[in-house]
């Protein structure tokens, strides 16, 4: 509960035919999900380049790397009952059930795969936020900056050949990253390790995202693009992404940086999203 604030009921909408993408997360007269400038999302076919249409994309078994943003965002999901979708791939089956009764959005996931299967999952949520918005997470949380941040650091700061640079939240390596801020031509990605609950604060509104999963690494990824990406036609896009794993790219993930299917052959997890507004 947020002190001095009242709950705001959220409602969610999604598009099963196009990767199970969340198309709306709305409450209190506010739409939280950003819509991107990229056309052609509905024409995407498997193995196409990622189309940044906004909303919340389901990324599995990787975020960056191959295939870009994973296998499931570019394929149709199938209904398996009220609020429940399923997608089957050669190496895994993923099901998701979303409810928003009581104004709190709860998404329950189940992944079935061979024991030992390694994966990264992220709820790649791109949010419509003002320049005053910030990401609230526990101070000191170990945070991995990814290579695009190297250009924002003093020369020689980046460890040669390393896929990330780790430092404490909110200013790893002295680079303050919790404020979204106005567009300044920069873009960076970061992963907050062992961080399963964050709040996005934007004026009087707060959005809380919490991830529950037993015996798997839980993180929160941040994508802060303030008009620094792509190189041709850059625009503003801001991602806060609950994640299983600790790396954007499964290929970079060490032994403790990816989720691993246990001997039972399945992993279950829950994403809860709630909103509050100050009086």
Protein backbone atom coordinates (compact mmCIF):
# COMPACT_ATOMS: atom_id res chain seq x y z
CA UNK A 1 0.00 0.00 0.00
CA UNK A 2 1.19 3.50 -0.84
CA UNK A 3 0.76 5.88 2.11
CA UNK A 4 -1.55 8.81 1.38
CA UNK A 5 -2.72 7.36 -1.91
CA UNK A 6 -5.83 5.61 -3.12
CA UNK A 7 -5.93 2.53 -5.35
CA UNK A 8 -6.73 3.08 -9.01
CA UNK A 9 -8.44 0.19 -10.77
CA UNK A 10 -6.57 -1.07 -13.84
CA UNK A 11 -7.97 -2.82 -16.90
CA UNK A 12 -5.90 -4.70 -19.44
CA UNK A 13 -6.36 -5.60 -23.11
CA UNK A 14 -4.23 -7.86 -25.28
CA UNK A 15 -3.91 -9.16 -28.83
CA UNK A 16 -3.65 -12.96 -29.00
CA UNK A 17 -3.08 -13.06 -32.75
CA UNK A 18 -0.01 -10.86 -32.56
CA UNK A 19 2.31 -12.34 -29.97
CA UNK A 20 -0.08 -12.04 -27.03
CA UNK A 21 0.96 -8.37 -26.90
CA UNK A 22 -0.62 -6.27 -24.15
CA UNK A 23 -2.21 -3.34 -25.99
CA UNK A 24 -3.66 -1.39 -23.07
CA UNK A 25 -3.12 -0.96 -19.33
CA UNK A 26 -5.58 1.71 -18.33
CA UNK A 27 -6.96 3.19 -15.10
CA UNK A 28 -8.08 6.49 -13.64
CA UNK A 29 -8.31 8.07 -17.08
CA UNK A 30 -4.67 7.24 -17.81
CA UNK A 31 -3.18 4.87 -20.39
CA UNK A 32 0.12 3.54 -19.05
CA UNK A 33 1.29 1.74 -22.18
CA UNK A 34 3.07 3.77 -24.85
CA UNK A 35 2.33 3.27 -28.52
CA UNK A 36 5.29 3.39 -30.86
CA UNK A 37 5.82 4.95 -34.27
CA UNK A 38 6.77 1.75 -36.09
CA UNK A 39 4.16 0.54 -38.61
CA UNK A 40 3.73 -3.06 -39.69
CA UNK A 41 3.33 -4.82 -36.33
CA UNK A 42 0.34 -6.81 -37.58
CA UNK A 43 2.25 -8.01 -40.64
CA UNK A 44 5.15 -9.46 -38.66
CA UNK A 45 6.15 -13.04 -39.42
CA UNK A 46 8.41 -15.35 -37.38
CA UNK A 47 12.09 -14.36 -37.55
CA UNK A 48 11.28 -10.86 -38.82
CA UNK A 49 13.14 -7.94 -37.28
CA UNK A 50 11.49 -6.56 -34.14
CA UNK A 51 8.83 -3.92 -34.72
CA UNK A 52 8.71 -1.40 -31.88
CA UNK A 53 4.96 -0.83 -31.69
CA UNK A 54 4.87 -0.21 -27.94
CA UNK A 55 2.55 -1.91 -25.48
CA UNK A 56 3.93 -4.86 -23.53
CA UNK A 57 5.65 -7.58 -25.53
CA UNK A 58 6.31 -11.05 -24.15
CA UNK A 59 10.01 -11.86 -24.66
CA UNK A 60 11.17 -15.50 -24.38
CA UNK A 61 13.69 -17.23 -24.39
CA UNK A 62 15.78 -14.04 -24.75
CA UNK A 63 15.32 -10.28 -25.03
CA UNK A 64 18.31 -9.18 -27.07
CA UNK A 65 20.26 -11.59 -29.23
CA UNK A 66 18.77 -14.24 -31.52
CA UNK A 67 15.95 -14.10 -32.25
CA UNK A 68 15.63 -10.41 -31.34
CA UNK A 69 13.09 -10.05 -28.50
CA UNK A 70 12.64 -13.83 -28.49
CA UNK A 71 10.40 -16.31 -30.28
CA UNK A 72 6.91 -15.65 -28.94
CA UNK A 73 6.24 -11.96 -29.76
CA UNK A 74 6.10 -12.66 -33.50
CA UNK A 75 3.74 -15.66 -33.41
CA UNK A 76 0.03 -16.11 -32.72
CA UNK A 77 -1.07 -17.41 -29.35
CA UNK A 78 -4.16 -19.59 -28.94
CA UNK A 79 -7.04 -19.33 -26.49
CA UNK A 80 -7.24 -21.97 -23.76
CA UNK A 81 -10.11 -20.56 -21.73
CA UNK A 82 -11.15 -17.19 -20.29
CA UNK A 83 -8.15 -14.87 -20.12
CA UNK A 84 -5.79 -17.75 -20.95
CA UNK A 85 -3.47 -18.00 -23.95
CA UNK A 86 -0.99 -20.68 -24.98
CA UNK A 87 1.90 -20.77 -27.43
CA UNK A 88 3.71 -23.98 -28.35
CA UNK A 89 7.26 -24.08 -29.67
CA UNK A 90 9.52 -27.05 -30.40
CA UNK A 91 11.44 -26.62 -27.14
CA UNK A 92 8.77 -25.23 -24.79
CA UNK A 93 5.09 -24.49 -24.20
CA UNK A 94 4.11 -21.21 -22.53
CA UNK A 95 0.69 -20.42 -21.07
CA UNK A 96 -0.50 -17.13 -19.60
CA UNK A 97 -3.67 -16.28 -17.71
CA UNK A 98 -4.50 -12.61 -17.06
CA UNK A 99 -7.17 -11.34 -14.69
CA UNK A 100 -7.99 -7.79 -13.60
CA UNK A 101 -10.78 -8.38 -11.11
CA UNK A 102 -10.67 -5.85 -8.32
CA UNK A 103 -8.61 -3.49 -10.43
CA UNK A 104 -5.28 -5.30 -9.90
CA UNK A 105 -3.81 -7.00 -12.96
CA UNK A 106 -2.46 -10.50 -12.28
CA UNK A 107 -0.71 -12.51 -14.99
CA UNK A 108 0.07 -16.15 -14.18
CA UNK A 109 2.59 -17.96 -16.41
CA UNK A 110 3.55 -21.59 -16.82
CA UNK A 111 6.49 -22.76 -18.93
CA UNK A 112 6.82 -26.48 -19.72
CA UNK A 113 10.14 -27.69 -21.17
CA UNK A 114 12.77 -30.34 -20.71
CA UNK A 115 14.58 -30.20 -17.36
CA UNK A 116 17.69 -28.06 -17.67
CA UNK A 117 16.22 -25.78 -20.37
CA UNK A 118 17.67 -22.27 -19.87
CA UNK A 119 15.75 -19.11 -20.72
CA UNK A 120 15.27 -15.43 -20.07
CA UNK A 121 11.75 -13.99 -19.95
CA UNK A 122 10.79 -10.33 -19.79
CA UNK A 123 7.51 -8.44 -19.76
CA UNK A 124 8.83 -5.78 -22.15
CA UNK A 125 6.51 -2.95 -21.03
CA UNK A 126 6.98 0.38 -22.77
CA UNK A 127 5.37 3.10 -20.68
CA UNK A 128 3.93 6.52 -21.52
CA UNK A 129 5.73 8.71 -18.96
CA UNK A 130 6.42 12.40 -18.47
CA UNK A 131 9.95 13.82 -18.17
CA UNK A 132 9.34 14.09 -14.39
CA UNK A 133 8.84 10.35 -13.95
CA UNK A 134 11.28 8.16 -12.06
CA UNK A 135 11.86 4.51 -11.22
CA UNK A 136 11.84 3.72 -7.50
CA UNK A 137 13.87 0.66 -6.45
CA UNK A 138 15.84 -0.21 -3.31
CA UNK A 139 18.95 1.93 -2.99
CA UNK A 140 22.12 -0.06 -3.47
CA UNK A 141 20.55 -2.70 -5.73
CA UNK A 142 23.36 -4.09 -7.95
CA UNK A 143 22.64 -2.76 -11.43
CA UNK A 144 24.19 -3.87 -14.70
CA UNK A 145 24.69 -1.18 -17.30
CA UNK A 146 24.80 -2.55 -20.84
CA UNK A 147 27.30 -1.45 -23.52
CA UNK A 148 25.35 1.47 -25.00
CA UNK A 149 25.91 3.23 -21.65
CA UNK A 150 29.69 3.24 -22.25
CA UNK A 151 29.39 6.39 -24.37
CA UNK A 152 27.92 8.22 -21.35
CA UNK A 153 30.82 7.37 -19.03
CA UNK A 154 34.33 8.84 -18.81
CA UNK A 155 36.77 7.38 -21.35
CA UNK A 156 38.33 4.14 -20.14
CA UNK A 157 35.55 3.39 -17.64
CA UNK A 158 34.21 0.34 -19.46
CA UNK A 159 35.94 -2.99 -18.73
CA UNK A 160 37.37 -4.24 -22.01
CA UNK A 161 35.38 -7.16 -23.41
CA UNK A 162 32.81 -7.26 -20.61
CA UNK A 163 29.10 -7.42 -21.52
CA UNK A 164 28.10 -5.10 -18.66
CA UNK A 165 29.38 -2.84 -15.88
CA UNK A 166 27.84 -3.33 -12.43
CA UNK A 167 27.28 -0.68 -9.78
CA UNK A 168 24.74 0.30 -7.11
CA UNK A 169 21.31 1.75 -7.91
CA UNK A 170 20.43 4.56 -8.60
CA UNK A 171 23.81 5.65 -9.98
CA UNK A 172 25.90 2.69 -11.17
CA UNK A 173 29.38 3.89 -12.19
CA UNK A 174 28.24 7.37 -11.17
CA UNK A 175 25.61 7.52 -13.93
CA UNK A 176 22.21 8.46 -12.50
CA UNK A 177 19.60 6.29 -14.19
CA UNK A 178 16.47 6.42 -12.00
CA UNK A 179 15.11 9.62 -13.57
CA UNK A 180 13.52 9.31 -16.98
CA UNK A 181 13.93 13.00 -17.73
CA UNK A 182 13.53 15.04 -20.91
CA UNK A 183 14.87 13.87 -24.24
CA UNK A 184 18.63 14.39 -24.40
CA UNK A 185 19.70 12.16 -27.27
CA UNK A 186 20.83 9.23 -25.07
CA UNK A 187 19.73 5.61 -24.78
CA UNK A 188 20.75 2.94 -22.29
CA UNK A 189 19.74 -0.44 -20.97
CA UNK A 190 20.23 -1.72 -17.43
CA UNK A 191 19.24 -4.71 -15.31
CA UNK A 192 18.52 -4.39 -11.57
CA UNK A 193 19.61 -7.70 -10.05
CA UNK A 194 17.52 -9.59 -7.51
CA UNK A 195 14.94 -6.81 -7.76
CA UNK A 196 11.44 -8.25 -7.99
CA UNK A 197 9.39 -5.16 -7.09
CA UNK A 198 9.63 -1.61 -8.41
CA UNK A 199 7.43 1.46 -8.64
CA UNK A 200 7.15 3.94 -11.47
CA UNK A 201 6.30 7.35 -10.04
CA UNK A 202 4.89 9.97 -12.41
CA UNK A 203 3.37 12.99 -10.72
CA UNK A 204 0.49 11.85 -8.52
CA UNK A 205 0.44 8.39 -10.08
CA UNK A 206 2.34 5.26 -9.07
CA UNK A 207 2.49 1.98 -10.94
CA UNK A 208 3.77 -1.02 -8.98
CA UNK A 209 5.15 -4.09 -10.76
CA UNK A 210 5.96 -7.19 -8.73
CA UNK A 211 7.28 -10.56 -9.91
CA UNK A 212 6.91 -13.78 -7.90
CA UNK A 213 8.80 -16.95 -8.83
CA UNK A 214 10.38 -19.56 -6.61
CA UNK A 215 13.98 -20.64 -7.10
CA UNK A 216 14.69 -18.54 -10.19
CA UNK A 217 16.64 -15.27 -10.65
CA UNK A 218 14.28 -12.28 -10.69
CA UNK A 219 15.30 -8.88 -11.99
CA UNK A 220 13.88 -5.66 -13.40
CA UNK A 221 15.21 -4.40 -16.71
CA UNK A 222 15.25 -0.73 -17.67
CA UNK A 223 15.28 0.69 -21.18
CA UNK A 224 15.71 4.48 -21.12
CA UNK A 225 15.66 5.81 -24.66
CA UNK A 226 15.54 9.61 -24.56
CA UNK A 227 15.70 10.13 -28.29
CA UNK A 228 18.98 8.28 -28.66
CA UNK A 229 17.76 5.25 -30.63
CA UNK A 230 17.56 4.19 -33.41
CA UNK A 231 20.36 6.03 -35.17
CA UNK A 232 18.02 6.97 -38.01
CA UNK A 233 14.76 8.53 -36.80
CA UNK A 234 15.27 8.32 -33.02
CA UNK A 235 12.30 8.70 -30.70
CA UNK A 236 11.44 8.46 -26.99
CA UNK A 237 10.64 5.02 -25.54
CA UNK A 238 10.80 3.98 -21.89
CA UNK A 239 10.74 0.37 -20.74
CA UNK A 240 10.33 -1.10 -17.27
CA UNK A 241 10.54 -4.87 -17.62
CA UNK A 242 10.02 -7.49 -14.89
CA UNK A 243 12.40 -10.31 -15.82
CA UNK A 244 13.32 -13.89 -15.06
CA UNK A 245 17.09 -13.96 -15.47
CA UNK A 246 19.71 -11.27 -15.14
CA UNK A 247 20.87 -10.55 -18.72
CA UNK A 248 19.18 -9.15 -21.81
CA UNK A 249 20.84 -11.73 -24.05
CA UNK A 250 20.64 -15.42 -23.16
CA UNK A 251 23.97 -15.90 -24.93
CA UNK A 252 25.62 -13.63 -22.31
CA UNK A 253 23.97 -15.34 -19.35
CA UNK A 254 26.29 -17.11 -16.93
CA UNK A 255 25.22 -20.05 -14.73
CA UNK A 256 23.14 -17.86 -12.40
CA UNK A 257 21.95 -15.35 -15.01
CA UNK A 258 19.20 -17.42 -16.64
CA UNK A 259 16.13 -19.26 -15.42
CA UNK A 260 16.46 -23.04 -15.56
CA UNK A 261 13.64 -25.59 -15.81
CA UNK A 262 13.86 -27.96 -12.80
CA UNK A 263 13.35 -31.76 -12.83
CA UNK A 264 9.56 -31.26 -12.65
CA UNK A 265 9.68 -29.93 -16.23
CA UNK A 266 7.90 -26.66 -15.50
CA UNK A 267 8.37 -23.16 -14.11
CA UNK A 268 5.49 -21.00 -12.88
CA UNK A 269 5.57 -17.31 -12.10
CA UNK A 270 3.20 -14.40 -11.41
CA UNK A 271 3.34 -10.75 -12.44
CA UNK A 272 1.15 -8.36 -10.43
CA UNK A 273 0.55 -4.77 -11.55
CA UNK A 274 -1.32 -2.22 -9.45
CA UNK A 275 -1.77 1.54 -9.48
CA UNK A 276 -2.28 4.27 -6.89
CA UNK A 277 -2.91 8.02 -7.05
CA UNK A 278 -2.09 10.58 -4.40
CA UNK A 279 -5.04 12.44 -2.94
